[in-house]
Amino acid sequence: MLLFCLILAHLIADFYLQTDEMVKDKINYIKKHIGHHFLMNGLVLIVFYMFNNKEIGIINNLIILLLFIGISHYFIDFLKIKLQNTIKFSNEENLNQVSFFIIDQLLHLVCILLAGQFFLGIDLAGIHKFFLDGEKLSTVNAVLFTLIVIIFATTVSGYLIKILLGSLPNQLLTFEGKYTFKNERQEALYTKNYNGNRALAEEYNYTIFGKHDLSRGKLIGYLERLLVLVLTFYSAYPAIGFIVAAKSIARFKQMDDRNWAEYFLLGTLTSMFIGITLGILLREVLT
């Protein structure tokens, strides 16, 4: 139970307490960010100690554990920042940035698992029982594991897809129409040496594009992956096709633009892959 709580504390500190401003300027906010991790992990360990004070020592199992998690998190984040500044990814190298993000999160997870192994006496070798031997989790652990999977299916995967796709290019904005205004002024007849009218014409062209609501798109992505997660859990794979069809119908007119179609397809396939993978993982662990 404590191991799942520590993973939840990490996800909350990394994805809910960390603002966009902190992400953009992480080197200046790294101390504040680490403070969030100390706060969340400290609360988890204090509550756990209050209910299990006979099983764990406050010095060896709490304070040293908290310092290990905080210091390891600081060095992982600091190393990531330095490497990113050295490599200086361009906007087109989204796949490399995704790799950095995944490796960063895996390293944090490994540190939490090692902390459980060395300071809490958790047998990491016994984890295979839940995957290979069919041993079921307790009710509390099942709820905690489900919460972790839901966070991965929504916030974590949403951030990963955002990095993969990058910002929406201006040329992929929704075309709504083109308007032309023409102003023509007729003047008096030329002098007797010239037969005809003298006129001054001005023409103005305006192209109208619709700006996408990113918050609405984020909510749609969350609901999409949660639906895929639930349908996969119950092995209702044919129903997943209706989700893809609904998205395609909503964007039917924009599919004529090849750039938009590729952008849409990449995001949809990534979202579906994450939702199905997490659904299978949840089903294998809980059932």
C-alpha atoms as a PDB file:
ATOM      1  CA  MET A   1       0.000   0.000   0.000  1.00  0.00           C
ATOM      2  CA  LEU A   2       2.751   2.459   0.927  1.00  0.00           C
ATOM      3  CA  LEU A   3       4.533   1.876  -2.367  1.00  0.00           C
ATOM      4  CA  PHE A   4       1.400   2.810  -4.346  1.00  0.00           C
ATOM      5  CA  CYS A   5       0.906   5.873  -2.124  1.00  0.00           C
ATOM      6  CA  LEU A   6       4.462   7.047  -2.833  1.00  0.00           C
ATOM      7  CA  ILE A   7       3.881   6.653  -6.581  1.00  0.00           C
ATOM      8  CA  LEU A   8       0.644   8.655  -6.272  1.00  0.00           C
ATOM      9  CA  ALA A   9       2.497  11.347  -4.310  1.00  0.00           C
ATOM     10  CA  HIS A  10       5.086  11.573  -7.095  1.00  0.00           C
ATOM     11  CA  LEU A  11       2.411  11.904  -9.806  1.00  0.00           C
ATOM     12  CA  ILE A  12       0.527  14.594  -7.884  1.00  0.00           C
ATOM     13  CA  ALA A  13       3.693  16.632  -7.263  1.00  0.00           C
ATOM     14  CA  ASP A  14       4.952  16.213 -10.841  1.00  0.00           C
ATOM     15  CA  PHE A  15       1.734  16.775 -12.807  1.00  0.00           C
ATOM     16  CA  TYR A  16      -0.741  18.641 -10.591  1.00  0.00           C
ATOM     17  CA  LEU A  17       1.340  20.881  -8.340  1.00  0.00           C
ATOM     18  CA  GLN A  18       3.794  21.813 -11.098  1.00  0.00           C
ATOM     19  CA  THR A  19       2.482  24.721 -13.173  1.00  0.00           C
ATOM     20  CA  ASP A  20       3.186  25.453 -16.852  1.00  0.00           C
ATOM     21  CA  GLU A  21       5.450  28.315 -15.797  1.00  0.00           C
ATOM     22  CA  MET A  22       7.500  25.930 -13.669  1.00  0.00           C
ATOM     23  CA  VAL A  23       7.820  23.516 -16.594  1.00  0.00           C
ATOM     24  CA  LYS A  24       9.044  26.237 -18.969  1.00  0.00           C
ATOM     25  CA  ASP A  25      11.593  27.616 -16.519  1.00  0.00           C
ATOM     26  CA  LYS A  26      12.379  24.497 -14.518  1.00  0.00           C
ATOM     27  CA  ILE A  27      15.931  25.450 -13.526  1.00  0.00           C
ATOM     28  CA  ASN A  28      14.686  28.486 -11.563  1.00  0.00           C
ATOM     29  CA  TYR A  29      11.768  26.597 -10.014  1.00  0.00           C
ATOM     30  CA  ILE A  30      13.552  23.340  -9.270  1.00  0.00           C
ATOM     31  CA  LYS A  31      13.786  24.027  -5.530  1.00  0.00           C
ATOM     32  CA  LYS A  32      10.077  24.788  -5.343  1.00  0.00           C
ATOM     33  CA  HIS A  33       9.349  21.664  -7.372  1.00  0.00           C
ATOM     34  CA  ILE A  34      11.446  19.483  -5.049  1.00  0.00           C
ATOM     35  CA  GLY A  35       9.653  21.131  -2.126  1.00  0.00           C
ATOM     36  CA  HIS A  36       6.370  19.828  -3.538  1.00  0.00           C
ATOM     37  CA  HIS A  37       7.808  16.313  -3.590  1.00  0.00           C
ATOM     38  CA  PHE A  38       9.046  16.617  -0.006  1.00  0.00           C
ATOM     39  CA  LEU A  39       5.581  17.848   1.013  1.00  0.00           C
ATOM     40  CA  MET A  40       3.595  15.084  -0.704  1.00  0.00           C
ATOM     41  CA  ASN A  41       5.925  12.233   0.272  1.00  0.00           C
ATOM     42  CA  GLY A  42       6.222  13.628   3.794  1.00  0.00           C
ATOM     43  CA  LEU A  43       2.435  13.635   4.207  1.00  0.00           C
ATOM     44  CA  VAL A  44       2.214  10.046   2.956  1.00  0.00           C
ATOM     45  CA  LEU A  45       4.963   8.836   5.289  1.00  0.00           C
ATOM     46  CA  ILE A  46       3.592  10.686   8.320  1.00  0.00           C
ATOM     47  CA  VAL A  47       0.093   9.243   7.828  1.00  0.00           C
ATOM     48  CA  PHE A  48       1.551   5.782   7.294  1.00  0.00           C
ATOM     49  CA  TYR A  49       3.672   6.107  10.450  1.00  0.00           C
ATOM     50  CA  MET A  50       0.641   7.169  12.513  1.00  0.00           C
ATOM     51  CA  PHE A  51      -1.178   3.936  11.650  1.00  0.00           C
ATOM     52  CA  ASN A  52       1.861   1.635  11.570  1.00  0.00           C
ATOM     53  CA  ASN A  53       4.209   3.110  14.142  1.00  0.00           C
ATOM     54  CA  LYS A  54       5.055  -0.320  15.498  1.00  0.00           C
ATOM     55  CA  GLU A  55       6.284  -1.609  12.170  1.00  0.00           C
ATOM     56  CA  ILE A  56       8.590   1.172  11.004  1.00  0.00           C
ATOM     57  CA  GLY A  57      11.222   3.402  12.574  1.00  0.00           C
ATOM     58  CA  ILE A  58      10.857   7.140  12.240  1.00  0.00           C
ATOM     59  CA  ILE A  59      14.548   7.731  11.524  1.00  0.00           C
ATOM     60  CA  ASN A  60      15.580   4.883   9.268  1.00  0.00           C
ATOM     61  CA  ASN A  61      12.283   4.290   7.518  1.00  0.00           C
ATOM     62  CA  LEU A  62      10.847   7.789   7.273  1.00  0.00           C
ATOM     63  CA  ILE A  63      13.410  10.594   7.404  1.00  0.00           C
ATOM     64  CA  ILE A  64      16.142   8.798   5.456  1.00  0.00           C
ATOM     65  CA  LEU A  65      13.536   7.508   2.975  1.00  0.00           C
ATOM     66  CA  LEU A  66      12.201  11.029   2.444  1.00  0.00           C
ATOM     67  CA  LEU A  67      15.704  12.410   1.925  1.00  0.00           C
ATOM     68  CA  PHE A  68      16.526   9.621  -0.538  1.00  0.00           C
ATOM     69  CA  ILE A  69      13.426  10.321  -2.654  1.00  0.00           C
ATOM     70  CA  GLY A  70      13.913  14.099  -2.576  1.00  0.00           C
ATOM     71  CA  ILE A  71      17.645  14.073  -3.356  1.00  0.00           C
ATOM     72  CA  SER A  72      17.330  11.453  -6.100  1.00  0.00           C
ATOM     73  CA  HIS A  73      14.501  13.425  -7.675  1.00  0.00           C
ATOM     74  CA  TYR A  74      16.604  16.591  -7.592  1.00  0.00           C
ATOM     75  CA  PHE A  75      19.582  14.971  -9.316  1.00  0.00           C
ATOM     76  CA  ILE A  76      17.425  13.301 -11.985  1.00  0.00           C
ATOM     77  CA  ASP A  77      15.663  16.578 -12.807  1.00  0.00           C
ATOM     78  CA  PHE A  78      18.894  18.588 -12.713  1.00  0.00           C
ATOM     79  CA  LEU A  79      20.629  16.124 -15.042  1.00  0.00           C
ATOM     80  CA  LYS A  80      17.643  16.180 -17.419  1.00  0.00           C
ATOM     81  CA  ILE A  81      17.666  19.991 -17.554  1.00  0.00           C
ATOM     82  CA  LYS A  82      21.409  20.122 -18.248  1.00  0.00           C
ATOM     83  CA  LEU A  83      21.168  17.502 -20.999  1.00  0.00           C
ATOM     84  CA  GLN A  84      18.244  19.290 -22.651  1.00  0.00           C
ATOM     85  CA  ASN A  85      20.093  22.611 -22.554  1.00  0.00           C
ATOM     86  CA  THR A  86      23.191  20.964 -24.024  1.00  0.00           C
ATOM     87  CA  ILE A  87      21.386  19.165 -26.820  1.00  0.00           C
ATOM     88  CA  LYS A  88      18.964  22.067 -27.493  1.00  0.00           C
ATOM     89  CA  PHE A  89      16.106  20.238 -29.150  1.00  0.00           C
ATOM     90  CA  SER A  90      14.317  22.031 -31.965  1.00  0.00           C
ATOM     91  CA  ASN A  91      10.537  22.040 -32.327  1.00  0.00           C
ATOM     92  CA  GLU A  92      10.757  19.234 -34.902  1.00  0.00           C
ATOM     93  CA  GLU A  93      12.540  16.834 -32.530  1.00  0.00           C
ATOM     94  CA  ASN A  94       9.440  15.963 -30.525  1.00  0.00           C
ATOM     95  CA  LEU A  95      10.244  12.242 -30.503  1.00  0.00           C
ATOM     96  CA  ASN A  96      13.557  12.890 -28.725  1.00  0.00           C
ATOM     97  CA  GLN A  97      11.766  15.016 -26.136  1.00  0.00           C
ATOM     98  CA  VAL A  98       9.260  12.203 -25.577  1.00  0.00           C
ATOM     99  CA  SER A  99      12.180   9.817 -24.990  1.00  0.00           C
ATOM    100  CA  PHE A 100      13.604  12.180 -22.367  1.00  0.00           C
ATOM    101  CA  PHE A 101      10.208  12.420 -20.677  1.00  0.00           C
ATOM    102  CA  ILE A 102       9.727   8.626 -20.540  1.00  0.00           C
ATOM    103  CA  ILE A 103      13.276   7.984 -19.272  1.00  0.00           C
ATOM    104  CA  ASP A 104      12.833  10.709 -16.642  1.00  0.00           C
ATOM    105  CA  GLN A 105       9.638   9.143 -15.311  1.00  0.00           C
ATOM    106  CA  LEU A 106      11.108   5.624 -15.371  1.00  0.00           C
ATOM    107  CA  LEU A 107      14.112   6.774 -13.338  1.00  0.00           C
ATOM    108  CA  HIS A 108      11.822   8.345 -10.741  1.00  0.00           C
ATOM    109  CA  LEU A 109       9.798   5.143 -10.574  1.00  0.00           C
ATOM    110  CA  VAL A 110      12.957   3.051 -10.140  1.00  0.00           C
ATOM    111  CA  CYS A 111      14.082   5.309  -7.277  1.00  0.00           C
ATOM    112  CA  ILE A 112      10.721   4.879  -5.536  1.00  0.00           C
ATOM    113  CA  LEU A 113      10.935   1.102  -5.949  1.00  0.00           C
ATOM    114  CA  LEU A 114      14.504   1.051  -4.603  1.00  0.00           C
ATOM    115  CA  ALA A 115      13.398   3.165  -1.655  1.00  0.00           C
ATOM    116  CA  GLY A 116      10.701   0.603  -0.890  1.00  0.00           C
ATOM    117  CA  GLN A 117      13.229  -2.220  -1.207  1.00  0.00           C
ATOM    118  CA  PHE A 118      15.956  -0.771   1.018  1.00  0.00           C
ATOM    119  CA  PHE A 119      14.045   1.323   3.558  1.00  0.00           C
ATOM    120  CA  LEU A 120      10.628  -0.313   3.854  1.00  0.00           C
ATOM    121  CA  GLY A 121      11.516  -3.950   3.323  1.00  0.00           C
ATOM    122  CA  ILE A 122       9.193  -4.343   0.341  1.00  0.00           C
ATOM    123  CA  ASP A 123      10.012  -7.455  -1.665  1.00  0.00           C
ATOM    124  CA  LEU A 124      10.208  -6.242  -5.245  1.00  0.00           C
ATOM    125  CA  ALA A 125      10.802  -9.788  -6.443  1.00  0.00           C
ATOM    126  CA  GLY A 126       7.266 -10.614  -5.344  1.00  0.00           C
ATOM    127  CA  ILE A 127       5.725  -8.179  -7.824  1.00  0.00           C
ATOM    128  CA  HIS A 128       5.712 -10.889 -10.489  1.00  0.00           C
ATOM    129  CA  LYS A 129       3.069 -12.721  -8.456  1.00  0.00           C
ATOM    130  CA  PHE A 130       0.467 -10.196  -9.536  1.00  0.00           C
ATOM    131  CA  PHE A 131       1.288 -10.662 -13.218  1.00  0.00           C
ATOM    132  CA  LEU A 132       2.373 -14.286 -13.590  1.00  0.00           C
ATOM    133  CA  ASP A 133       0.842 -16.185 -10.679  1.00  0.00           C
ATOM    134  CA  GLY A 134      -2.545 -14.451 -10.735  1.00  0.00           C
ATOM    135  CA  GLU A 135      -2.370 -13.270  -7.124  1.00  0.00           C
ATOM    136  CA  LYS A 136      -4.951 -10.553  -6.486  1.00  0.00           C
ATOM    137  CA  LEU A 137      -4.390  -7.192  -4.812  1.00  0.00           C
ATOM    138  CA  SER A 138      -6.196  -6.253  -1.650  1.00  0.00           C
ATOM    139  CA  THR A 139      -9.154  -3.876  -1.956  1.00  0.00           C
ATOM    140  CA  VAL A 140      -7.144  -0.820  -0.837  1.00  0.00           C
ATOM    141  CA  ASN A 141      -4.245  -1.640  -3.140  1.00  0.00           C
ATOM    142  CA  ALA A 142      -6.636  -2.283  -6.027  1.00  0.00           C
ATOM    143  CA  VAL A 143      -8.189   1.172  -5.550  1.00  0.00           C
ATOM    144  CA  LEU A 144      -4.765   2.844  -5.364  1.00  0.00           C
ATOM    145  CA  PHE A 145      -3.540   0.989  -8.445  1.00  0.00           C
ATOM    146  CA  THR A 146      -6.702   2.003 -10.353  1.00  0.00           C
ATOM    147  CA  LEU A 147      -6.134   5.656  -9.411  1.00  0.00           C
ATOM    148  CA  ILE A 148      -2.549   5.443 -10.686  1.00  0.00           C
ATOM    149  CA  VAL A 149      -3.724   3.951 -13.992  1.00  0.00           C
ATOM    150  CA  ILE A 150      -6.392   6.673 -14.366  1.00  0.00           C
ATOM    151  CA  ILE A 151      -3.796   9.402 -13.818  1.00  0.00           C
ATOM    152  CA  PHE A 152      -1.556   7.782 -16.430  1.00  0.00           C
ATOM    153  CA  ALA A 153      -4.498   7.534 -18.846  1.00  0.00           C
ATOM    154  CA  THR A 154      -5.394  11.216 -18.459  1.00  0.00           C
ATOM    155  CA  THR A 155      -2.806  13.712 -17.242  1.00  0.00           C
ATOM    156  CA  VAL A 156       0.433  11.801 -17.853  1.00  0.00           C
ATOM    157  CA  SER A 157      -0.512  10.524 -21.305  1.00  0.00           C
ATOM    158  CA  GLY A 158      -1.973  13.920 -22.210  1.00  0.00           C
ATOM    159  CA  TYR A 159       1.346  15.575 -21.418  1.00  0.00           C
ATOM    160  CA  LEU A 160       3.201  12.901 -23.404  1.00  0.00           C
ATOM    161  CA  ILE A 161       0.946  13.375 -26.454  1.00  0.00           C
ATOM    162  CA  LYS A 162       1.342  17.139 -26.173  1.00  0.00           C
ATOM    163  CA  ILE A 163       5.126  16.758 -26.381  1.00  0.00           C
ATOM    164  CA  LEU A 164       4.862  14.280 -29.265  1.00  0.00           C
ATOM    165  CA  LEU A 165       2.575  16.442 -31.388  1.00  0.00           C
ATOM    166  CA  GLY A 166       4.062  19.782 -30.427  1.00  0.00           C
ATOM    167  CA  SER A 167       2.081  22.993 -30.759  1.00  0.00           C
ATOM    168  CA  LEU A 168      -0.592  23.132 -33.456  1.00  0.00           C
ATOM    169  CA  PRO A 169       0.956  24.747 -36.557  1.00  0.00           C
ATOM    170  CA  ASN A 170      -0.800  27.864 -37.867  1.00  0.00           C
ATOM    171  CA  GLN A 171      -1.361  26.253 -41.264  1.00  0.00           C
ATOM    172  CA  LEU A 172      -3.425  23.545 -39.578  1.00  0.00           C
ATOM    173  CA  LEU A 173      -5.940  25.953 -38.080  1.00  0.00           C
ATOM    174  CA  THR A 174      -9.498  25.421 -39.211  1.00  0.00           C
ATOM    175  CA  PHE A 175     -10.277  27.359 -42.400  1.00  0.00           C
ATOM    176  CA  GLU A 176     -13.630  29.074 -42.005  1.00  0.00           C
ATOM    177  CA  GLY A 177     -13.906  31.295 -45.078  1.00  0.00           C
ATOM    178  CA  LYS A 178     -12.530  34.037 -47.275  1.00  0.00           C
ATOM    179  CA  TYR A 179     -14.135  37.458 -47.563  1.00  0.00           C
ATOM    180  CA  THR A 180     -13.520  40.133 -50.206  1.00  0.00           C
ATOM    181  CA  PHE A 181     -14.503  43.814 -49.917  1.00  0.00           C
ATOM    182  CA  LYS A 182     -14.386  46.028 -52.994  1.00  0.00           C
ATOM    183  CA  ASN A 183     -14.719  49.795 -53.060  1.00  0.00           C
ATOM    184  CA  GLU A 184     -14.986  51.639 -56.376  1.00  0.00           C
ATOM    185  CA  ARG A 185     -15.338  55.409 -56.745  1.00  0.00           C
ATOM    186  CA  GLN A 186     -16.579  56.900 -60.040  1.00  0.00           C
ATOM    187  CA  GLU A 187     -15.512  60.426 -60.923  1.00  0.00           C
ATOM    188  CA  ALA A 188     -16.683  62.977 -63.493  1.00  0.00           C
ATOM    189  CA  LEU A 189     -16.037  62.586 -67.194  1.00  0.00           C
ATOM    190  CA  TYR A 190     -12.614  63.326 -68.491  1.00  0.00           C
ATOM    191  CA  THR A 191     -12.124  66.439 -70.473  1.00  0.00           C
ATOM    192  CA  LYS A 192     -13.402  66.607 -74.015  1.00  0.00           C
ATOM    193  CA  ASN A 193     -10.146  65.116 -75.275  1.00  0.00           C
ATOM    194  CA  TYR A 194     -10.956  61.762 -73.596  1.00  0.00           C
ATOM    195  CA  ASN A 195     -14.171  59.831 -73.690  1.00  0.00           C
ATOM    196  CA  GLY A 196     -14.829  57.555 -70.683  1.00  0.00           C
ATOM    197  CA  ASN A 197     -15.059  57.420 -66.909  1.00  0.00           C
ATOM    198  CA  ARG A 198     -12.251  57.796 -64.435  1.00  0.00           C
ATOM    199  CA  ALA A 199     -12.529  55.459 -61.415  1.00  0.00           C
ATOM    200  CA  LEU A 200     -10.514  54.369 -58.369  1.00  0.00           C
ATOM    201  CA  ALA A 201     -11.033  50.774 -57.209  1.00  0.00           C
ATOM    202  CA  GLU A 202      -9.786  49.205 -53.948  1.00  0.00           C
ATOM    203  CA  GLU A 203     -10.103  45.565 -53.021  1.00  0.00           C
ATOM    204  CA  TYR A 204      -9.503  43.943 -49.580  1.00  0.00           C
ATOM    205  CA  ASN A 205      -9.182  40.188 -49.008  1.00  0.00           C
ATOM    206  CA  TYR A 206      -9.592  38.585 -45.574  1.00  0.00           C
ATOM    207  CA  THR A 207      -9.007  34.924 -44.759  1.00  0.00           C
ATOM    208  CA  ILE A 208     -10.736  33.690 -41.614  1.00  0.00           C
ATOM    209  CA  PHE A 209      -9.327  30.858 -39.499  1.00  0.00           C
ATOM    210  CA  GLY A 210     -10.868  29.344 -36.405  1.00  0.00           C
ATOM    211  CA  LYS A 211      -8.725  29.105 -33.288  1.00  0.00           C
ATOM    212  CA  HIS A 212      -8.851  25.728 -31.577  1.00  0.00           C
ATOM    213  CA  ASP A 213      -9.941  25.489 -27.949  1.00  0.00           C
ATOM    214  CA  LEU A 214      -7.045  23.583 -26.411  1.00  0.00           C
ATOM    215  CA  SER A 215      -8.777  23.016 -23.057  1.00  0.00           C
ATOM    216  CA  ARG A 216     -11.742  21.439 -24.848  1.00  0.00           C
ATOM    217  CA  GLY A 217      -9.409  19.227 -26.891  1.00  0.00           C
ATOM    218  CA  LYS A 218      -7.638  18.144 -23.705  1.00  0.00           C
ATOM    219  CA  LEU A 219     -10.941  17.136 -22.105  1.00  0.00           C
ATOM    220  CA  ILE A 220     -11.922  15.175 -25.220  1.00  0.00           C
ATOM    221  CA  GLY A 221      -8.579  13.338 -25.075  1.00  0.00           C
ATOM    222  CA  TYR A 222      -9.083  12.474 -21.400  1.00  0.00           C
ATOM    223  CA  LEU A 223     -12.582  11.098 -22.015  1.00  0.00           C
ATOM    224  CA  GLU A 224     -11.409   9.207 -25.093  1.00  0.00           C
ATOM    225  CA  ARG A 225      -8.629   7.367 -23.250  1.00  0.00           C
ATOM    226  CA  LEU A 226     -10.844   6.649 -20.238  1.00  0.00           C
ATOM    227  CA  LEU A 227     -13.509   5.154 -22.506  1.00  0.00           C
ATOM    228  CA  VAL A 228     -10.905   3.044 -24.309  1.00  0.00           C
ATOM    229  CA  LEU A 229      -9.532   1.982 -20.916  1.00  0.00           C
ATOM    230  CA  VAL A 230     -12.949   0.821 -19.691  1.00  0.00           C
ATOM    231  CA  LEU A 231     -13.847  -0.896 -22.983  1.00  0.00           C
ATOM    232  CA  THR A 232     -10.504  -2.719 -23.035  1.00  0.00           C
ATOM    233  CA  PHE A 233     -10.958  -3.789 -19.408  1.00  0.00           C
ATOM    234  CA  TYR A 234     -14.232  -5.472 -20.378  1.00  0.00           C
ATOM    235  CA  SER A 235     -12.773  -6.760 -23.697  1.00  0.00           C
ATOM    236  CA  ALA A 236     -15.300  -4.722 -25.693  1.00  0.00           C
ATOM    237  CA  TYR A 237     -12.849  -4.023 -28.507  1.00  0.00           C
ATOM    238  CA  PRO A 238     -15.438  -3.524 -31.310  1.00  0.00           C
ATOM    239  CA  ALA A 239     -16.931  -0.583 -29.399  1.00  0.00           C
ATOM    240  CA  ILE A 240     -13.582   1.238 -29.593  1.00  0.00           C
ATOM    241  CA  GLY A 241     -14.163   1.596 -33.327  1.00  0.00           C
ATOM    242  CA  PHE A 242     -17.179   3.834 -32.628  1.00  0.00           C
ATOM    243  CA  ILE A 243     -14.937   6.289 -30.777  1.00  0.00           C
ATOM    244  CA  VAL A 244     -12.595   6.528 -33.755  1.00  0.00           C
ATOM    245  CA  ALA A 245     -15.585   6.927 -36.085  1.00  0.00           C
ATOM    246  CA  ALA A 246     -17.071   9.724 -33.951  1.00  0.00           C
ATOM    247  CA  LYS A 247     -13.772  11.638 -33.977  1.00  0.00           C
ATOM    248  CA  SER A 248     -13.416  11.175 -37.727  1.00  0.00           C
ATOM    249  CA  ILE A 249     -16.940  12.456 -38.406  1.00  0.00           C
ATOM    250  CA  ALA A 250     -16.336  15.536 -36.251  1.00  0.00           C
ATOM    251  CA  ARG A 251     -13.197  16.348 -38.300  1.00  0.00           C
ATOM    252  CA  PHE A 252     -14.482  15.088 -41.650  1.00  0.00           C
ATOM    253  CA  LYS A 253     -14.082  18.355 -43.607  1.00  0.00           C
ATOM    254  CA  GLN A 254     -10.538  18.889 -42.318  1.00  0.00           C
ATOM    255  CA  MET A 255      -9.424  15.463 -43.544  1.00  0.00           C
ATOM    256  CA  ASP A 256      -8.962  16.967 -47.033  1.00  0.00           C
ATOM    257  CA  ASP A 257      -5.838  18.661 -45.698  1.00  0.00           C
ATOM    258  CA  ARG A 258      -3.109  16.009 -45.665  1.00  0.00           C
ATOM    259  CA  ASN A 259      -1.068  17.787 -42.977  1.00  0.00           C
ATOM    260  CA  TRP A 260      -4.090  17.964 -40.693  1.00  0.00           C
ATOM    261  CA  ALA A 261      -5.022  14.334 -41.417  1.00  0.00           C
ATOM    262  CA  GLU A 262      -1.522  13.128 -40.450  1.00  0.00           C
ATOM    263  CA  TYR A 263      -1.554  15.283 -37.313  1.00  0.00           C
ATOM    264  CA  PHE A 264      -4.983  13.918 -36.358  1.00  0.00           C
ATOM    265  CA  LEU A 265      -3.995  10.317 -37.101  1.00  0.00           C
ATOM    266  CA  LEU A 266      -0.809  10.504 -35.018  1.00  0.00           C
ATOM    267  CA  GLY A 267      -2.648  11.868 -31.992  1.00  0.00           C
ATOM    268  CA  THR A 268      -5.519   9.391 -32.283  1.00  0.00           C
ATOM    269  CA  LEU A 269      -3.329   6.311 -32.713  1.00  0.00           C
ATOM    270  CA  THR A 270      -1.103   7.338 -29.789  1.00  0.00           C
ATOM    271  CA  SER A 271      -4.135   7.939 -27.581  1.00  0.00           C
ATOM    272  CA  MET A 272      -5.686   4.599 -28.549  1.00  0.00           C
ATOM    273  CA  PHE A 273      -2.435   2.724 -27.961  1.00  0.00           C
ATOM    274  CA  ILE A 274      -2.053   4.202 -24.467  1.00  0.00           C
ATOM    275  CA  GLY A 275      -5.698   3.545 -23.547  1.00  0.00           C
ATOM    276  CA  ILE A 276      -5.648  -0.076 -24.752  1.00  0.00           C
ATOM    277  CA  THR A 277      -2.273  -0.804 -23.091  1.00  0.00           C
ATOM    278  CA  LEU A 278      -3.382   0.584 -19.733  1.00  0.00           C
ATOM    279  CA  GLY A 279      -6.714  -1.241 -20.021  1.00  0.00           C
ATOM    280  CA  ILE A 280      -4.955  -4.570 -20.555  1.00  0.00           C
ATOM    281  CA  LEU A 281      -2.590  -3.856 -17.633  1.00  0.00           C
ATOM    282  CA  LEU A 282      -5.501  -2.992 -15.332  1.00  0.00           C
ATOM    283  CA  ARG A 283      -7.407  -6.131 -16.343  1.00  0.00           C
ATOM    284  CA  GLU A 284      -4.394  -8.408 -15.835  1.00  0.00           C
ATOM    285  CA  VAL A 285      -3.684  -7.030 -12.363  1.00  0.00           C
ATOM    286  CA  LEU A 286      -7.240  -6.796 -10.990  1.00  0.00           C
ATOM    287  CA  THR A 287      -8.830  -9.923 -12.454  1.00  0.00           C
END
